[in-house]
N, C-alpha and C. Protein backbone atom coordinates (compact mmCIF):
# COMPACT_ATOMS: atom_id res chain seq x y z
N UNK A 1 -0.29 1.00 16.02
CA UNK A 1 -0.89 2.00 16.68
C UNK A 1 -2.28 1.65 17.12
N UNK A 2 -2.64 1.93 18.38
CA UNK A 2 -4.03 1.76 18.97
C UNK A 2 -4.79 2.72 18.89
N UNK A 3 -6.00 2.83 18.70
CA UNK A 3 -6.92 4.05 18.44
C UNK A 3 -6.81 5.00 19.73
N UNK A 4 -6.45 4.48 20.94
CA UNK A 4 -6.52 5.27 22.10
C UNK A 4 -5.25 6.07 22.18
N UNK A 5 -4.18 5.81 21.18
CA UNK A 5 -2.85 6.31 21.32
C UNK A 5 -2.83 7.75 20.48
N UNK A 6 -3.89 7.96 19.72
CA UNK A 6 -3.94 8.85 18.77
C UNK A 6 -5.23 9.86 18.85
N UNK A 7 -5.14 11.14 19.03
CA UNK A 7 -6.16 12.11 19.14
C UNK A 7 -6.03 13.02 17.97
N UNK A 8 -7.12 12.77 17.04
CA UNK A 8 -7.20 13.70 15.85
C UNK A 8 -7.38 15.13 16.54
N UNK A 9 -6.84 16.09 16.01
CA UNK A 9 -6.75 17.66 16.31
C UNK A 9 -7.52 18.46 15.28
N UNK A 10 -8.22 17.71 14.44
CA UNK A 10 -9.19 18.22 13.53
C UNK A 10 -8.41 19.65 12.71
N UNK A 11 -7.27 19.34 12.61
CA UNK A 11 -6.51 20.44 11.84
C UNK A 11 -6.50 20.38 10.30
N UNK A 12 -6.88 19.14 9.85
CA UNK A 12 -6.96 19.07 8.28
C UNK A 12 -5.66 18.84 7.50
N UNK A 13 -4.48 18.70 8.38
CA UNK A 13 -3.32 18.55 7.70
C UNK A 13 -3.01 17.43 7.06
N UNK A 14 -3.75 16.38 7.40
CA UNK A 14 -3.62 14.95 6.63
C UNK A 14 -4.26 15.07 5.37
N UNK A 15 -5.21 16.10 5.28
CA UNK A 15 -6.18 16.25 4.10
C UNK A 15 -5.50 17.31 3.03
N UNK A 16 -4.47 17.80 3.42
CA UNK A 16 -3.74 18.89 2.69
C UNK A 16 -2.36 18.34 2.09
N UNK A 17 -2.16 17.10 2.11
CA UNK A 17 -0.76 16.72 1.84
C UNK A 17 -0.70 16.77 0.31
N UNK A 18 0.51 17.80 -0.21
CA UNK A 18 0.65 17.94 -1.63
C UNK A 18 0.91 16.68 -2.40
N UNK A 19 0.27 16.11 -3.42
CA UNK A 19 0.52 14.95 -3.99
C UNK A 19 0.02 13.79 -3.38
N UNK A 20 -1.03 13.86 -2.30
CA UNK A 20 -1.36 12.78 -1.58
C UNK A 20 -2.45 12.17 -2.74
N UNK A 21 -2.61 10.74 -2.57
CA UNK A 21 -3.44 9.99 -3.63
C UNK A 21 -4.40 9.34 -2.55
N UNK A 22 -5.68 9.47 -2.87
CA UNK A 22 -6.60 8.70 -2.19
C UNK A 22 -7.41 7.82 -3.12
N UNK A 23 -7.03 6.47 -3.22
CA UNK A 23 -7.60 5.48 -4.26
C UNK A 23 -8.91 5.27 -3.79
N UNK A 24 -9.92 4.94 -4.69
CA UNK A 24 -11.29 4.63 -4.31
C UNK A 24 -11.80 3.38 -5.20
N UNK A 25 -12.37 2.57 -4.41
CA UNK A 25 -12.99 1.26 -5.13
C UNK A 25 -14.10 1.58 -5.44
N UNK A 26 -14.65 0.60 -6.06
CA UNK A 26 -16.13 0.62 -6.77
C UNK A 26 -16.87 0.77 -5.94
N UNK A 27 -16.96 -0.07 -4.72
CA UNK A 27 -17.84 0.28 -3.57
C UNK A 27 -17.79 1.58 -2.94
N UNK A 28 -16.58 2.20 -2.84
CA UNK A 28 -16.52 3.58 -2.17
C UNK A 28 -17.02 4.52 -3.14
N UNK A 29 -16.82 4.31 -4.57
CA UNK A 29 -17.38 5.18 -5.56
C UNK A 29 -18.90 5.15 -5.39
N UNK A 30 -19.51 3.95 -5.24
CA UNK A 30 -20.79 3.83 -5.28
C UNK A 30 -21.46 4.69 -3.90
N UNK A 31 -20.66 4.28 -2.82
CA UNK A 31 -21.24 5.02 -1.50
C UNK A 31 -21.21 6.49 -1.61
N UNK A 32 -20.11 6.94 -2.00
CA UNK A 32 -19.58 8.42 -2.09
C UNK A 32 -20.76 9.24 -2.92
N UNK A 33 -20.96 8.47 -4.39
CA UNK A 33 -21.78 8.94 -5.18
C UNK A 33 -23.22 9.09 -4.80
N UNK A 34 -23.72 8.00 -4.00
CA UNK A 34 -25.01 8.02 -3.43
C UNK A 34 -25.13 9.21 -2.28
N UNK A 35 -24.12 9.41 -1.47
CA UNK A 35 -24.21 10.33 -0.44
C UNK A 35 -24.52 11.68 -0.99
N UNK A 36 -23.68 11.98 -2.18
CA UNK A 36 -23.65 13.36 -2.78
C UNK A 36 -24.85 13.47 -3.75
N UNK A 37 -25.71 12.43 -3.84
CA UNK A 37 -26.92 12.51 -4.49
C UNK A 37 -26.62 12.47 -6.04
N UNK A 38 -25.36 11.89 -6.62
CA UNK A 38 -25.18 11.77 -8.16
C UNK A 38 -24.95 10.27 -8.36
N UNK A 39 -25.18 10.07 -9.69
CA UNK A 39 -25.12 8.88 -10.17
C UNK A 39 -23.57 8.55 -10.44
N UNK A 40 -23.23 7.21 -10.27
CA UNK A 40 -21.84 6.96 -10.23
C UNK A 40 -20.90 7.30 -11.49
N UNK A 41 -21.54 7.43 -12.70
CA UNK A 41 -20.93 7.72 -13.79
C UNK A 41 -20.50 9.28 -13.81
N UNK A 42 -21.44 10.10 -13.29
CA UNK A 42 -21.18 11.47 -12.97
C UNK A 42 -20.12 11.91 -12.07
N UNK A 43 -20.00 11.06 -11.01
CA UNK A 43 -19.10 11.13 -9.83
C UNK A 43 -17.85 10.80 -10.53
N UNK A 44 -17.77 9.45 -11.16
CA UNK A 44 -16.44 9.24 -11.77
C UNK A 44 -15.87 10.38 -12.59
N UNK A 45 -16.81 10.96 -13.68
CA UNK A 45 -16.33 11.87 -14.45
C UNK A 45 -15.85 13.26 -13.70
N UNK A 46 -16.57 13.59 -12.79
CA UNK A 46 -16.25 14.85 -12.26
C UNK A 46 -15.32 14.97 -10.99
N UNK A 47 -15.50 13.74 -10.38
CA UNK A 47 -14.85 13.76 -8.98
C UNK A 47 -13.38 12.82 -8.82
N UNK A 48 -13.18 12.02 -9.95
CA UNK A 48 -12.06 11.16 -9.92
C UNK A 48 -11.03 11.28 -11.36
N UNK A 49 -9.83 10.85 -11.02
CA UNK A 49 -9.03 10.84 -12.22
C UNK A 49 -8.19 9.49 -12.05
N UNK A 50 -7.69 9.17 -13.33
CA UNK A 50 -6.81 7.85 -13.19
C UNK A 50 -5.50 8.27 -12.44
N UNK A 51 -5.25 7.33 -11.38
CA UNK A 51 -3.97 7.19 -10.69
C UNK A 51 -2.64 7.48 -11.38
N UNK A 52 -1.66 8.07 -10.87
CA UNK A 52 -0.46 8.16 -11.47
C UNK A 52 0.07 6.63 -12.14
N UNK A 53 0.03 5.66 -11.40
CA UNK A 53 0.20 4.24 -11.94
C UNK A 53 -0.67 3.73 -12.79
N UNK A 54 -1.85 4.43 -13.27
CA UNK A 54 -2.89 3.94 -13.91
C UNK A 54 -3.40 2.51 -13.57
N UNK A 55 -3.48 2.33 -12.28
CA UNK A 55 -3.97 1.06 -11.69
C UNK A 55 -5.37 1.32 -11.18
N UNK A 56 -5.86 2.44 -10.66
CA UNK A 56 -7.09 2.71 -10.17
C UNK A 56 -7.48 4.01 -10.24
N UNK A 57 -8.57 4.41 -9.94
CA UNK A 57 -8.98 5.76 -9.86
C UNK A 57 -8.78 6.31 -8.50
N UNK A 58 -8.73 7.71 -8.52
CA UNK A 58 -8.31 8.25 -7.29
C UNK A 58 -9.09 9.45 -7.15
N UNK A 59 -9.45 10.19 -5.94
CA UNK A 59 -10.34 11.51 -5.85
C UNK A 59 -9.34 12.44 -6.25
N UNK A 60 -10.07 13.34 -7.02
CA UNK A 60 -9.41 14.62 -7.49
C UNK A 60 -9.03 15.38 -6.26
N UNK A 61 -8.20 16.36 -6.29
CA UNK A 61 -7.57 17.40 -5.37
C UNK A 61 -7.81 18.66 -5.84
N UNK A 62 -7.64 19.50 -4.89
CA UNK A 62 -7.77 21.04 -5.38
C UNK A 62 -6.35 21.28 -5.90
N UNK A 63 -6.37 22.45 -6.82
CA UNK A 63 -5.15 22.80 -7.22
C UNK A 63 -3.93 22.76 -6.13
N UNK A 64 -4.32 23.32 -4.94
CA UNK A 64 -3.19 23.22 -3.95
C UNK A 64 -2.77 21.98 -3.27
N UNK A 65 -3.61 20.92 -3.75
CA UNK A 65 -3.24 19.69 -3.24
C UNK A 65 -4.07 19.06 -2.19
N UNK A 66 -5.05 19.86 -1.60
CA UNK A 66 -5.81 19.55 -0.67
C UNK A 66 -7.08 18.81 -1.06
N UNK A 67 -7.49 18.13 -0.32
CA UNK A 67 -8.80 17.27 -0.54
C UNK A 67 -9.99 18.21 -0.78
N UNK A 68 -10.91 17.87 -1.98
CA UNK A 68 -11.87 18.63 -2.51
C UNK A 68 -12.75 18.56 -1.50
N UNK A 69 -13.02 17.54 -0.59
CA UNK A 69 -13.88 17.46 0.54
C UNK A 69 -13.80 18.03 1.74
N UNK A 70 -12.66 18.66 1.86
CA UNK A 70 -12.19 19.28 3.25
C UNK A 70 -12.72 20.61 3.26
N UNK A 71 -13.64 20.93 4.37
CA UNK A 71 -14.17 22.42 4.19
C UNK A 71 -13.21 23.19 4.91
N UNK A 72 -13.46 24.79 4.86
CA UNK A 72 -12.76 25.61 5.55
C UNK A 72 -12.49 25.58 6.92
N UNK A 73 -13.41 24.84 7.62
CA UNK A 73 -13.14 24.61 9.12
C UNK A 73 -12.72 23.30 9.28
N UNK A 74 -12.09 22.63 8.53
CA UNK A 74 -11.28 21.18 8.47
C UNK A 74 -12.22 20.01 8.81
N UNK A 75 -13.63 20.23 8.41
CA UNK A 75 -14.48 19.24 8.34
C UNK A 75 -14.49 18.50 6.89
N UNK A 76 -14.62 17.16 7.02
CA UNK A 76 -14.91 16.12 5.86
C UNK A 76 -16.42 16.18 5.45
N UNK A 77 -16.62 16.75 4.32
CA UNK A 77 -18.03 16.82 3.83
C UNK A 77 -18.50 15.47 3.53
N UNK A 78 -17.65 14.45 3.38
CA UNK A 78 -18.19 13.09 3.13
C UNK A 78 -17.75 12.16 4.20
N UNK A 79 -17.64 12.59 5.51
CA UNK A 79 -17.04 12.10 6.69
C UNK A 79 -17.72 10.50 6.67
N UNK A 80 -18.94 10.54 6.86
CA UNK A 80 -19.82 9.03 7.00
C UNK A 80 -19.50 8.04 5.87
N UNK A 81 -18.98 8.42 4.85
CA UNK A 81 -18.67 7.46 3.73
C UNK A 81 -17.34 7.65 3.11
N UNK A 82 -16.25 8.43 3.97
CA UNK A 82 -15.15 8.58 3.21
C UNK A 82 -14.30 7.38 2.96
N UNK A 83 -13.32 7.36 2.14
CA UNK A 83 -12.65 6.21 1.67
C UNK A 83 -11.86 5.46 2.79
N UNK A 84 -11.68 4.25 2.71
CA UNK A 84 -11.10 3.38 3.54
C UNK A 84 -9.34 4.05 4.02
N UNK A 85 -8.80 4.66 3.05
CA UNK A 85 -7.45 5.14 3.34
C UNK A 85 -7.72 6.27 4.09
N UNK A 86 -8.67 7.19 4.09
CA UNK A 86 -8.92 8.13 5.07
C UNK A 86 -9.32 7.73 6.48
N UNK A 87 -10.24 6.68 6.38
CA UNK A 87 -10.63 6.09 7.77
C UNK A 87 -9.59 5.30 8.71
N UNK A 88 -8.59 4.81 7.94
CA UNK A 88 -7.60 4.16 8.64
C UNK A 88 -6.33 4.94 9.03
N UNK A 89 -6.20 5.96 8.52
CA UNK A 89 -5.01 6.95 8.94
C UNK A 89 -5.20 7.33 10.54
N UNK A 90 -4.08 7.24 11.25
CA UNK A 90 -2.76 6.63 11.06
C UNK A 90 -2.67 5.09 11.76
N UNK A 91 -3.97 4.42 11.97
CA UNK A 91 -4.11 3.22 12.62
C UNK A 91 -3.37 2.22 11.83
N UNK A 92 -3.76 2.27 10.45
CA UNK A 92 -3.33 0.99 9.65
C UNK A 92 -2.21 1.52 8.71
N UNK A 93 -1.78 2.58 8.43
CA UNK A 93 -0.89 3.13 7.73
C UNK A 93 -0.43 4.64 8.00
N UNK A 94 0.86 4.91 7.81
CA UNK A 94 1.46 6.22 7.80
C UNK A 94 2.22 6.25 6.62
N UNK A 95 2.84 7.61 6.36
CA UNK A 95 3.79 7.76 5.36
C UNK A 95 5.27 8.16 6.06
N UNK A 96 6.42 8.17 5.41
CA UNK A 96 7.40 8.57 6.23
C UNK A 96 7.58 9.85 6.70
N UNK A 97 6.79 10.92 6.13
CA UNK A 97 6.67 12.11 6.58
C UNK A 97 5.37 12.43 7.56
N UNK A 98 4.57 11.48 8.01
CA UNK A 98 3.45 11.63 8.60
C UNK A 98 3.80 12.44 9.75
N UNK A 99 4.71 12.18 10.63
CA UNK A 99 4.91 12.77 11.90
C UNK A 99 5.20 14.32 11.80
N UNK A 100 5.79 14.65 10.38
CA UNK A 100 6.05 16.08 10.50
C UNK A 100 4.67 16.60 9.79
N UNK A 101 3.77 16.06 9.18
CA UNK A 101 2.70 16.50 8.68
C UNK A 101 1.49 16.78 9.65
N UNK A 102 1.39 15.60 10.47
CA UNK A 102 0.19 15.57 11.55
C UNK A 102 0.74 15.85 12.84
N UNK A 103 0.13 17.06 13.50
CA UNK A 103 0.45 17.34 14.78
C UNK A 103 -0.05 16.41 15.81
N UNK A 104 -0.80 15.50 15.43
CA UNK A 104 -1.56 14.46 16.51
C UNK A 104 -0.42 13.47 16.74
N UNK A 105 0.48 13.46 15.72
CA UNK A 105 1.48 12.20 15.61
C UNK A 105 2.93 12.68 16.38
N UNK A 106 3.03 13.78 16.49
CA UNK A 106 4.31 14.49 16.62
C UNK A 106 4.80 14.09 18.14
N UNK A 107 3.90 13.85 18.90
CA UNK A 107 4.27 13.60 20.44
C UNK A 107 4.32 12.08 20.78
N UNK A 108 3.80 11.33 19.76
CA UNK A 108 3.68 9.93 20.20
C UNK A 108 4.83 9.12 20.08
N UNK A 109 5.21 8.17 20.96
CA UNK A 109 6.39 7.29 20.83
C UNK A 109 6.10 6.15 19.97
N UNK A 110 6.79 5.61 18.91
CA UNK A 110 6.49 4.68 18.12
C UNK A 110 7.32 3.48 18.43
């Protein structure tokens, strides 16, 4: 998909996918922690958990499955330092149900 083919509608649906997993690298942890004014150890302790496959850390979600950094008005609180997975959707990856989840994708021809 080309960047000009997709227009984000700022609905936050992609940030509310139940059981969505956002893996974070060491570099992303460092960037996000610095942006939030936290040291990395505190960030890891409070804001991440071990992925279900136990191969990496992931960002914690709210109990409803939404991203903890999504505001009520669908703005990402860490937008300038958000993880690669968030930055590259839907240009480098999608899930089988992405068209059903993201209204910006529903009318695109693939």
